[in-house]
Amino acid sequence: MESITSSAASLGEALMACLKAMTPDPAAFPQQAKTSTYEIAGLVQTERLAVRGRNGRDRFIIGTQSGADWRPIEEEWDENLTADDLEWLFLEFVVLGEIEGQEIESWGFPGDDYTVTIGAA
């Protein structure tokens, strides 16, 4: 799979555009999404707030092959899933599934400019 990149005002919008570009059927969740790597550039809130992937800074990278749980996103994947809902589900079940021991309250994507690149793991 070639990498897919999208930029948007929110992480959810950029992520939604990338995922929809992975499948010819927008109603079908792209199964290859579960085994891809996600590189995120933009403002990331962890224990501290940091810009990632801009001005030479390391991107925020999630590899989705171990602790990620895609079932909640798959169950909601249809034309009614909003970018905001996708962002929240991605954070709670994919990002935090990969980074064990973290509380969701300390994590977020509060910026207004994100680039997401999805590539083969």
Protein backbone atom coordinates (compact mmCIF):
# COMPACT_ATOMS: atom_id res chain seq x y z
CA MET A 1 0.00 0.00 0.00
CA GLU A 2 1.26 3.46 -0.85
CA SER A 3 1.03 6.03 1.89
CA ILE A 4 -2.00 8.31 2.04
CA THR A 5 -1.73 11.84 3.41
CA SER A 6 -4.38 14.38 4.30
CA SER A 7 -4.29 17.74 6.05
CA ALA A 8 -7.23 19.39 7.81
CA ALA A 9 -8.25 21.70 10.62
CA SER A 10 -8.80 18.78 13.01
CA LEU A 11 -7.22 15.38 13.50
CA GLY A 12 -10.61 13.73 12.98
CA GLU A 13 -11.11 15.41 9.59
CA ALA A 14 -7.61 14.48 8.37
CA LEU A 15 -7.99 10.92 9.64
CA MET A 16 -11.45 10.54 8.07
CA ALA A 17 -10.15 11.73 4.67
CA CYS A 18 -7.26 9.24 4.78
CA LEU A 19 -9.45 6.30 5.81
CA LYS A 20 -12.05 7.06 3.12
CA ALA A 21 -9.27 7.26 0.51
CA MET A 22 -8.27 3.69 1.41
CA THR A 23 -11.49 2.11 0.13
CA PRO A 24 -13.64 2.54 -2.98
CA ASP A 25 -16.78 1.90 -0.89
CA PRO A 26 -17.24 4.71 1.66
CA ALA A 27 -19.70 2.55 3.62
CA ALA A 28 -17.08 -0.19 4.13
CA PHE A 29 -14.42 0.23 6.80
CA PRO A 30 -10.96 -0.21 5.22
CA GLN A 31 -9.56 -3.36 6.80
CA GLN A 32 -5.96 -2.43 5.94
CA ALA A 33 -6.33 0.49 8.36
CA LYS A 34 -5.87 -1.95 11.23
CA THR A 35 -2.36 -2.94 10.14
CA SER A 36 -1.07 0.46 9.07
CA THR A 37 1.16 3.02 10.72
CA TYR A 38 -0.20 6.50 11.49
CA GLU A 39 2.08 9.52 11.48
CA ILE A 40 0.47 12.64 12.94
CA ALA A 41 1.82 16.17 12.65
CA GLY A 42 0.16 18.86 14.75
CA LEU A 43 -0.51 19.82 18.35
CA VAL A 44 -0.55 16.76 20.64
CA GLN A 45 -1.50 16.86 24.32
CA THR A 46 0.15 14.14 26.40
CA GLU A 47 1.49 14.84 29.86
CA ARG A 48 2.52 18.10 28.22
CA LEU A 49 1.42 20.04 25.16
CA ALA A 50 3.77 19.77 22.17
CA VAL A 51 3.79 20.45 18.46
CA ARG A 52 4.81 17.25 16.68
CA GLY A 53 6.08 16.81 13.13
CA ARG A 54 6.57 20.50 12.38
CA ASN A 55 9.78 22.57 12.25
CA GLY A 56 11.98 19.47 12.45
CA ARG A 57 10.19 17.94 15.44
CA ASP A 58 9.44 14.22 15.55
CA ARG A 59 6.03 13.19 14.31
CA PHE A 60 3.63 11.36 16.61
CA ILE A 61 3.65 7.78 15.29
CA ILE A 62 1.19 5.04 16.14
CA GLY A 63 1.68 1.49 14.85
CA THR A 64 -1.62 -0.30 15.10
CA GLN A 65 -0.68 -3.93 15.37
CA SER A 66 -0.69 -4.65 19.09
CA GLY A 67 -3.00 -3.01 21.61
CA ALA A 68 -5.27 -1.08 19.25
CA ASP A 69 -8.97 -1.98 19.29
CA TRP A 70 -10.64 -0.99 16.02
CA ARG A 71 -14.03 -2.60 16.83
CA PRO A 72 -15.65 0.61 18.18
CA ILE A 73 -14.67 2.50 15.02
CA GLU A 74 -15.81 -0.33 12.75
CA GLU A 75 -19.16 -0.49 14.56
CA GLU A 76 -19.72 3.25 14.05
CA TRP A 77 -18.27 3.38 10.51
CA ASP A 78 -20.99 4.65 8.25
CA GLU A 79 -22.08 7.96 6.85
CA ASN A 80 -23.22 9.10 10.32
CA LEU A 81 -19.77 8.89 11.97
CA THR A 82 -18.57 12.45 12.44
CA ALA A 83 -14.94 13.55 12.33
CA ASP A 84 -15.18 14.54 16.02
CA ASP A 85 -16.49 11.08 16.97
CA LEU A 86 -13.79 9.40 14.88
CA GLU A 87 -11.10 11.49 16.58
CA TRP A 88 -12.37 10.55 20.04
CA LEU A 89 -12.69 6.82 19.18
CA PHE A 90 -9.23 6.81 17.58
CA LEU A 91 -7.74 8.41 20.68
CA GLU A 92 -9.48 6.15 23.18
CA PHE A 93 -9.27 2.78 21.42
CA VAL A 94 -6.31 3.01 19.05
CA VAL A 95 -3.83 5.52 20.50
CA LEU A 96 -4.38 4.62 24.15
CA GLY A 97 -4.57 0.94 23.23
CA GLU A 98 -1.04 1.29 21.90
CA ILE A 99 0.20 3.34 24.84
CA GLU A 100 -0.78 1.29 27.85
CA GLY A 101 -1.10 2.84 31.26
CA GLN A 102 -2.19 6.29 30.10
CA GLU A 103 -5.44 8.00 31.08
CA ILE A 104 -7.55 9.53 28.32
CA GLU A 105 -7.98 12.76 30.31
CA SER A 106 -4.32 13.68 29.77
CA TRP A 107 -4.41 13.08 26.00
CA GLY A 108 -5.88 15.07 23.16
CA PHE A 109 -5.43 16.81 19.84
CA PRO A 110 -6.43 20.43 20.62
CA GLY A 111 -4.85 22.09 17.58
CA ASP A 112 -6.32 23.47 14.39
CA ASP A 113 -3.87 22.14 11.77
CA TYR A 114 -3.14 18.42 11.39
CA THR A 115 -1.51 16.23 8.78
CA VAL A 116 -2.06 12.48 8.93
CA THR A 117 -0.07 10.01 6.85
CA ILE A 118 -1.18 6.39 6.80
CA GLY A 119 1.33 3.86 5.51
CA ALA A 120 1.99 0.15 5.55
CA ALA A 121 3.38 -1.11 8.83
